[in-house]
Amino acid sequence: MNSDVEQSVAGLSLSEVEPGRRVRVEAIRAGRALNARLAAMGLLAGVEVKVIRRSLTGPLVLAIRDTRLMLGRGVARRIQVDAGPLADSASAGSGRNSGTPPTVPSGKTP
């Protein structure tokens, strides 16, 4: 059991992440069809994900930006994540849009 705790961050799959923890997707090791399906749901390399629920059996519940997503364990095992420290901002350093519209000074239209 200690070998699981001591494994490198690079070898961590999404199915192993504890609930409440935020991680960044590093790679998705799947075929073209599954990669396309996950991308359509917003799950891409570089995206920050929070594990909401993970039980011993059944799917994982994830938060991606302001969307909830359920993934089966088999799919979650194919997603490699980086559990290193993440910035407070959901998109800091990722080069991706956080989904939050830009602020506009009052009295001006975009």
N, C-alpha and C. Protein backbone atom coordinates (compact mmCIF):
# COMPACT_ATOMS: atom_id res chain seq x y z
N MET A 1 0.82 -1.20 0.00
CA MET A 1 0.00 0.00 0.00
C MET A 1 0.86 1.25 0.00
N ASN A 2 2.00 1.24 0.69
CA ASN A 2 2.88 2.41 0.70
C ASN A 2 3.42 2.73 -0.67
N SER A 3 3.56 1.71 -1.54
CA SER A 3 4.06 1.98 -2.88
C SER A 3 3.12 2.90 -3.65
N ASP A 4 1.80 2.83 -3.38
CA ASP A 4 0.85 3.73 -4.01
C ASP A 4 1.09 5.16 -3.57
N VAL A 5 1.40 5.36 -2.28
CA VAL A 5 1.64 6.69 -1.75
C VAL A 5 2.95 7.25 -2.29
N GLU A 6 3.94 6.38 -2.48
CA GLU A 6 5.25 6.83 -2.91
C GLU A 6 5.42 6.93 -4.42
N GLN A 7 4.39 6.57 -5.18
CA GLN A 7 4.54 6.61 -6.62
C GLN A 7 4.75 8.03 -7.10
N SER A 8 5.38 8.15 -8.26
CA SER A 8 5.68 9.48 -8.78
C SER A 8 4.40 10.16 -9.23
N VAL A 9 4.43 11.49 -9.22
CA VAL A 9 3.28 12.29 -9.63
C VAL A 9 2.92 11.99 -11.08
N ALA A 10 3.94 11.74 -11.92
CA ALA A 10 3.69 11.50 -13.33
C ALA A 10 2.86 10.25 -13.55
N GLY A 11 2.88 9.30 -12.63
CA GLY A 11 2.15 8.07 -12.78
C GLY A 11 0.79 8.08 -12.14
N LEU A 12 0.29 9.23 -11.73
CA LEU A 12 -0.98 9.31 -11.02
C LEU A 12 -2.13 9.40 -12.02
N SER A 13 -3.09 8.50 -11.87
CA SER A 13 -4.27 8.58 -12.74
C SER A 13 -5.39 9.29 -12.00
N LEU A 14 -6.33 9.81 -12.74
CA LEU A 14 -7.44 10.55 -12.16
C LEU A 14 -8.24 9.67 -11.20
N SER A 15 -8.29 8.38 -11.45
CA SER A 15 -9.05 7.47 -10.59
C SER A 15 -8.44 7.33 -9.20
N GLU A 16 -7.21 7.77 -9.01
CA GLU A 16 -6.52 7.66 -7.72
C GLU A 16 -6.54 8.93 -6.89
N VAL A 17 -7.08 10.00 -7.43
CA VAL A 17 -7.07 11.29 -6.75
C VAL A 17 -8.15 11.33 -5.66
N GLU A 18 -7.77 11.82 -4.48
CA GLU A 18 -8.69 11.92 -3.35
C GLU A 18 -9.74 13.00 -3.59
N PRO A 19 -10.96 12.79 -3.11
CA PRO A 19 -12.01 13.81 -3.23
C PRO A 19 -11.58 15.13 -2.59
N GLY A 20 -11.96 16.24 -3.22
CA GLY A 20 -11.61 17.57 -2.73
C GLY A 20 -10.31 18.09 -3.29
N ARG A 21 -9.55 17.26 -3.96
CA ARG A 21 -8.24 17.66 -4.47
C ARG A 21 -8.34 18.19 -5.90
N ARG A 22 -7.59 19.24 -6.18
CA ARG A 22 -7.51 19.80 -7.53
C ARG A 22 -6.25 19.29 -8.20
N VAL A 23 -6.37 18.90 -9.45
CA VAL A 23 -5.24 18.41 -10.24
C VAL A 23 -5.32 18.99 -11.64
N ARG A 24 -4.23 18.90 -12.37
CA ARG A 24 -4.20 19.36 -13.75
C ARG A 24 -4.01 18.14 -14.65
N VAL A 25 -4.82 18.03 -15.69
CA VAL A 25 -4.72 16.92 -16.64
C VAL A 25 -3.42 17.05 -17.41
N GLU A 26 -2.62 16.00 -17.39
CA GLU A 26 -1.35 15.98 -18.13
C GLU A 26 -1.51 15.31 -19.49
N ALA A 27 -2.18 14.15 -19.51
CA ALA A 27 -2.34 13.40 -20.76
C ALA A 27 -3.55 12.50 -20.65
N ILE A 28 -4.12 12.20 -21.79
CA ILE A 28 -5.22 11.25 -21.86
C ILE A 28 -4.76 10.11 -22.76
N ARG A 29 -4.64 8.95 -22.18
CA ARG A 29 -4.13 7.78 -22.89
C ARG A 29 -5.31 6.95 -23.39
N ALA A 30 -5.87 7.39 -24.51
CA ALA A 30 -7.06 6.73 -25.05
C ALA A 30 -7.04 6.87 -26.57
N GLY A 31 -7.97 6.20 -27.19
CA GLY A 31 -8.10 6.26 -28.64
C GLY A 31 -8.70 7.58 -29.10
N ARG A 32 -8.75 7.73 -30.39
CA ARG A 32 -9.22 8.98 -30.99
C ARG A 32 -10.66 9.30 -30.60
N ALA A 33 -11.54 8.29 -30.60
CA ALA A 33 -12.95 8.53 -30.30
C ALA A 33 -13.15 8.99 -28.86
N LEU A 34 -12.49 8.33 -27.91
CA LEU A 34 -12.63 8.73 -26.50
C LEU A 34 -12.01 10.10 -26.26
N ASN A 35 -10.86 10.36 -26.87
CA ASN A 35 -10.24 11.69 -26.74
C ASN A 35 -11.18 12.77 -27.25
N ALA A 36 -11.84 12.53 -28.38
CA ALA A 36 -12.76 13.51 -28.94
C ALA A 36 -13.97 13.70 -28.02
N ARG A 37 -14.48 12.62 -27.46
CA ARG A 37 -15.63 12.72 -26.57
C ARG A 37 -15.28 13.50 -25.30
N LEU A 38 -14.12 13.22 -24.73
CA LEU A 38 -13.68 13.94 -23.53
C LEU A 38 -13.42 15.41 -23.84
N ALA A 39 -12.83 15.68 -24.98
CA ALA A 39 -12.56 17.08 -25.38
C ALA A 39 -13.87 17.84 -25.53
N ALA A 40 -14.90 17.19 -26.07
CA ALA A 40 -16.20 17.85 -26.23
C ALA A 40 -16.82 18.20 -24.88
N MET A 41 -16.42 17.46 -23.83
CA MET A 41 -16.93 17.73 -22.48
C MET A 41 -16.00 18.68 -21.71
N GLY A 42 -14.93 19.16 -22.36
CA GLY A 42 -14.03 20.11 -21.72
C GLY A 42 -12.86 19.48 -21.01
N LEU A 43 -12.67 18.19 -21.15
CA LEU A 43 -11.58 17.49 -20.48
C LEU A 43 -10.42 17.32 -21.45
N LEU A 44 -9.44 18.23 -21.34
CA LEU A 44 -8.28 18.28 -22.22
C LEU A 44 -7.01 18.40 -21.38
N ALA A 45 -5.88 18.09 -21.97
CA ALA A 45 -4.59 18.30 -21.30
C ALA A 45 -4.46 19.77 -20.93
N GLY A 46 -4.02 20.04 -19.72
CA GLY A 46 -3.83 21.40 -19.24
C GLY A 46 -4.99 21.94 -18.42
N VAL A 47 -6.13 21.26 -18.45
CA VAL A 47 -7.31 21.72 -17.73
C VAL A 47 -7.24 21.31 -16.26
N GLU A 48 -7.66 22.22 -15.39
CA GLU A 48 -7.72 21.94 -13.95
C GLU A 48 -9.04 21.25 -13.62
N VAL A 49 -8.95 20.19 -12.83
CA VAL A 49 -10.11 19.38 -12.47
C VAL A 49 -10.13 19.22 -10.96
N LYS A 50 -11.31 19.26 -10.37
CA LYS A 50 -11.47 18.97 -8.94
C LYS A 50 -12.30 17.70 -8.81
N VAL A 51 -11.79 16.74 -8.03
CA VAL A 51 -12.54 15.52 -7.77
C VAL A 51 -13.54 15.82 -6.66
N ILE A 52 -14.82 15.70 -6.98
CA ILE A 52 -15.89 15.97 -6.02
C ILE A 52 -16.21 14.71 -5.22
N ARG A 53 -16.36 13.59 -5.93
CA ARG A 53 -16.70 12.34 -5.24
C ARG A 53 -15.98 11.17 -5.90
N ARG A 54 -15.46 10.29 -5.06
CA ARG A 54 -14.84 9.06 -5.53
C ARG A 54 -15.17 7.98 -4.52
N SER A 55 -15.96 7.01 -4.92
CA SER A 55 -16.31 5.92 -4.03
C SER A 55 -15.51 4.68 -4.44
N LEU A 56 -15.63 3.63 -3.65
CA LEU A 56 -14.91 2.40 -3.97
C LEU A 56 -15.41 1.76 -5.26
N THR A 57 -16.68 1.94 -5.54
CA THR A 57 -17.25 1.44 -6.79
C THR A 57 -18.03 2.58 -7.43
N GLY A 58 -18.24 2.51 -8.70
CA GLY A 58 -19.02 3.53 -9.37
C GLY A 58 -18.16 4.65 -9.94
N PRO A 59 -18.83 5.61 -10.57
CA PRO A 59 -18.13 6.68 -11.27
C PRO A 59 -17.55 7.74 -10.33
N LEU A 60 -16.64 8.53 -10.88
CA LEU A 60 -16.10 9.70 -10.19
C LEU A 60 -16.94 10.90 -10.60
N VAL A 61 -17.13 11.83 -9.68
CA VAL A 61 -17.80 13.09 -9.99
C VAL A 61 -16.72 14.16 -9.98
N LEU A 62 -16.62 14.91 -11.07
CA LEU A 62 -15.59 15.92 -11.24
C LEU A 62 -16.21 17.29 -11.45
N ALA A 63 -15.45 18.32 -11.11
CA ALA A 63 -15.82 19.69 -11.44
C ALA A 63 -14.76 20.21 -12.40
N ILE A 64 -15.22 20.65 -13.56
CA ILE A 64 -14.36 21.27 -14.56
C ILE A 64 -14.93 22.66 -14.79
N ARG A 65 -14.22 23.67 -14.30
CA ARG A 65 -14.73 25.04 -14.26
C ARG A 65 -16.04 25.03 -13.49
N ASP A 66 -17.15 25.38 -14.10
CA ASP A 66 -18.42 25.39 -13.38
C ASP A 66 -19.36 24.28 -13.87
N THR A 67 -18.78 23.19 -14.36
CA THR A 67 -19.54 22.05 -14.87
C THR A 67 -19.22 20.81 -14.06
N ARG A 68 -20.24 20.01 -13.77
CA ARG A 68 -20.04 18.72 -13.10
C ARG A 68 -20.07 17.63 -14.16
N LEU A 69 -19.20 16.64 -13.98
CA LEU A 69 -19.06 15.58 -14.95
C LEU A 69 -18.86 14.26 -14.22
N MET A 70 -19.51 13.21 -14.68
CA MET A 70 -19.31 11.88 -14.11
C MET A 70 -18.52 11.05 -15.11
N LEU A 71 -17.47 10.40 -14.61
CA LEU A 71 -16.65 9.54 -15.45
C LEU A 71 -16.57 8.16 -14.82
N GLY A 72 -16.66 7.13 -15.64
CA GLY A 72 -16.45 5.78 -15.15
C GLY A 72 -15.00 5.58 -14.75
N ARG A 73 -14.77 4.61 -13.88
CA ARG A 73 -13.41 4.36 -13.41
C ARG A 73 -12.46 3.96 -14.52
N GLY A 74 -12.93 3.20 -15.49
CA GLY A 74 -12.08 2.78 -16.60
C GLY A 74 -11.57 3.97 -17.40
N VAL A 75 -12.44 4.92 -17.64
CA VAL A 75 -12.04 6.14 -18.36
C VAL A 75 -11.10 6.96 -17.49
N ALA A 76 -11.42 7.10 -16.21
CA ALA A 76 -10.59 7.90 -15.29
C ALA A 76 -9.18 7.33 -15.18
N ARG A 77 -9.04 6.01 -15.29
CA ARG A 77 -7.70 5.40 -15.24
C ARG A 77 -6.83 5.79 -16.42
N ARG A 78 -7.45 6.18 -17.52
CA ARG A 78 -6.71 6.55 -18.73
C ARG A 78 -6.23 8.00 -18.71
N ILE A 79 -6.65 8.76 -17.70
CA ILE A 79 -6.31 10.19 -17.62
C ILE A 79 -5.20 10.38 -16.60
N GLN A 80 -4.04 10.80 -17.07
CA GLN A 80 -2.88 11.06 -16.21
C GLN A 80 -2.93 12.50 -15.74
N VAL A 81 -2.69 12.70 -14.44
CA VAL A 81 -2.79 14.04 -13.87
C VAL A 81 -1.53 14.42 -13.11
N ASP A 82 -1.37 15.72 -12.91
CA ASP A 82 -0.30 16.29 -12.10
C ASP A 82 -0.95 16.85 -10.85
N ALA A 83 -0.59 16.29 -9.71
CA ALA A 83 -1.19 16.72 -8.45
C ALA A 83 -0.31 17.73 -7.72
N GLY A 84 0.63 18.33 -8.44
CA GLY A 84 1.50 19.34 -7.84
C GLY A 84 0.71 20.57 -7.45
N PRO A 85 1.36 21.55 -6.83
CA PRO A 85 0.66 22.76 -6.39
C PRO A 85 0.06 23.51 -7.57
N LEU A 86 -1.18 23.93 -7.40
CA LEU A 86 -1.87 24.69 -8.43
C LEU A 86 -2.07 26.12 -7.97
N ALA A 87 -2.12 27.04 -8.92
CA ALA A 87 -2.36 28.45 -8.60
C ALA A 87 -3.79 28.63 -8.12
N ASP A 88 -4.05 29.72 -7.42
CA ASP A 88 -5.39 30.00 -6.92
C ASP A 88 -6.38 30.21 -8.07
N SER A 89 -5.93 30.82 -9.13
CA SER A 89 -6.80 31.06 -10.28
C SER A 89 -6.95 29.79 -11.09
N ALA A 90 -8.14 29.54 -11.58
CA ALA A 90 -8.40 28.31 -12.34
C ALA A 90 -7.61 28.25 -13.63
N SER A 91 -7.20 29.39 -14.17
CA SER A 91 -6.50 29.35 -15.46
C SER A 91 -5.09 29.92 -15.39
N ALA A 92 -4.58 30.19 -14.22
CA ALA A 92 -3.27 30.81 -14.12
C ALA A 92 -2.21 29.92 -14.74
N GLY A 93 -1.51 30.46 -15.73
CA GLY A 93 -0.41 29.75 -16.34
C GLY A 93 -0.83 28.65 -17.30
N SER A 94 -2.10 28.37 -17.46
CA SER A 94 -2.50 27.28 -18.33
C SER A 94 -2.71 27.73 -19.77
N GLY A 95 -2.85 29.04 -19.98
CA GLY A 95 -3.07 29.53 -21.32
C GLY A 95 -4.48 29.26 -21.82
N ARG A 96 -5.36 28.86 -20.93
CA ARG A 96 -6.74 28.54 -21.32
C ARG A 96 -7.69 29.53 -20.67
N ASN A 97 -8.82 29.72 -21.30
CA ASN A 97 -9.85 30.61 -20.78
C ASN A 97 -10.50 29.97 -19.57
N SER A 98 -10.69 30.71 -18.50
CA SER A 98 -11.30 30.18 -17.28
C SER A 98 -12.80 30.07 -17.39
N GLY A 99 -13.39 30.61 -18.44
CA GLY A 99 -14.83 30.57 -18.59
C GLY A 99 -15.50 31.78 -17.97
N THR A 100 -14.74 32.64 -17.31
CA THR A 100 -15.28 33.84 -16.69
C THR A 100 -15.18 34.99 -17.67
N PRO A 101 -16.27 35.69 -17.95
CA PRO A 101 -16.19 36.80 -18.90
C PRO A 101 -15.32 37.92 -18.35
N PRO A 102 -14.67 38.66 -19.23
CA PRO A 102 -13.83 39.77 -18.76
C PRO A 102 -14.70 40.85 -18.12
N THR A 103 -14.11 41.55 -17.17
CA THR A 103 -14.86 42.64 -16.54
C THR A 103 -14.80 43.86 -17.44
N VAL A 104 -15.90 44.59 -17.46
CA VAL A 104 -16.01 45.79 -18.28
C VAL A 104 -16.27 46.96 -17.35
N PRO A 105 -15.52 48.05 -17.47
CA PRO A 105 -15.77 49.21 -16.62
C PRO A 105 -17.22 49.67 -16.77
N SER A 106 -17.81 50.12 -15.66
CA SER A 106 -19.21 50.54 -15.70
C SER A 106 -19.42 51.69 -16.68
N GLY A 107 -20.56 51.64 -17.36
CA GLY A 107 -20.88 52.69 -18.32
C GLY A 107 -20.36 52.41 -19.71
N LYS A 108 -19.59 51.35 -19.88
CA LYS A 108 -19.05 51.03 -21.20
C LYS A 108 -19.58 49.67 -21.63
N THR A 109 -19.80 49.53 -22.91
CA THR A 109 -20.25 48.25 -23.44
C THR A 109 -19.07 47.55 -24.14
N PRO A 110 -19.06 46.23 -24.09
CA PRO A 110 -17.94 45.52 -24.73
C PRO A 110 -17.96 45.61 -26.23
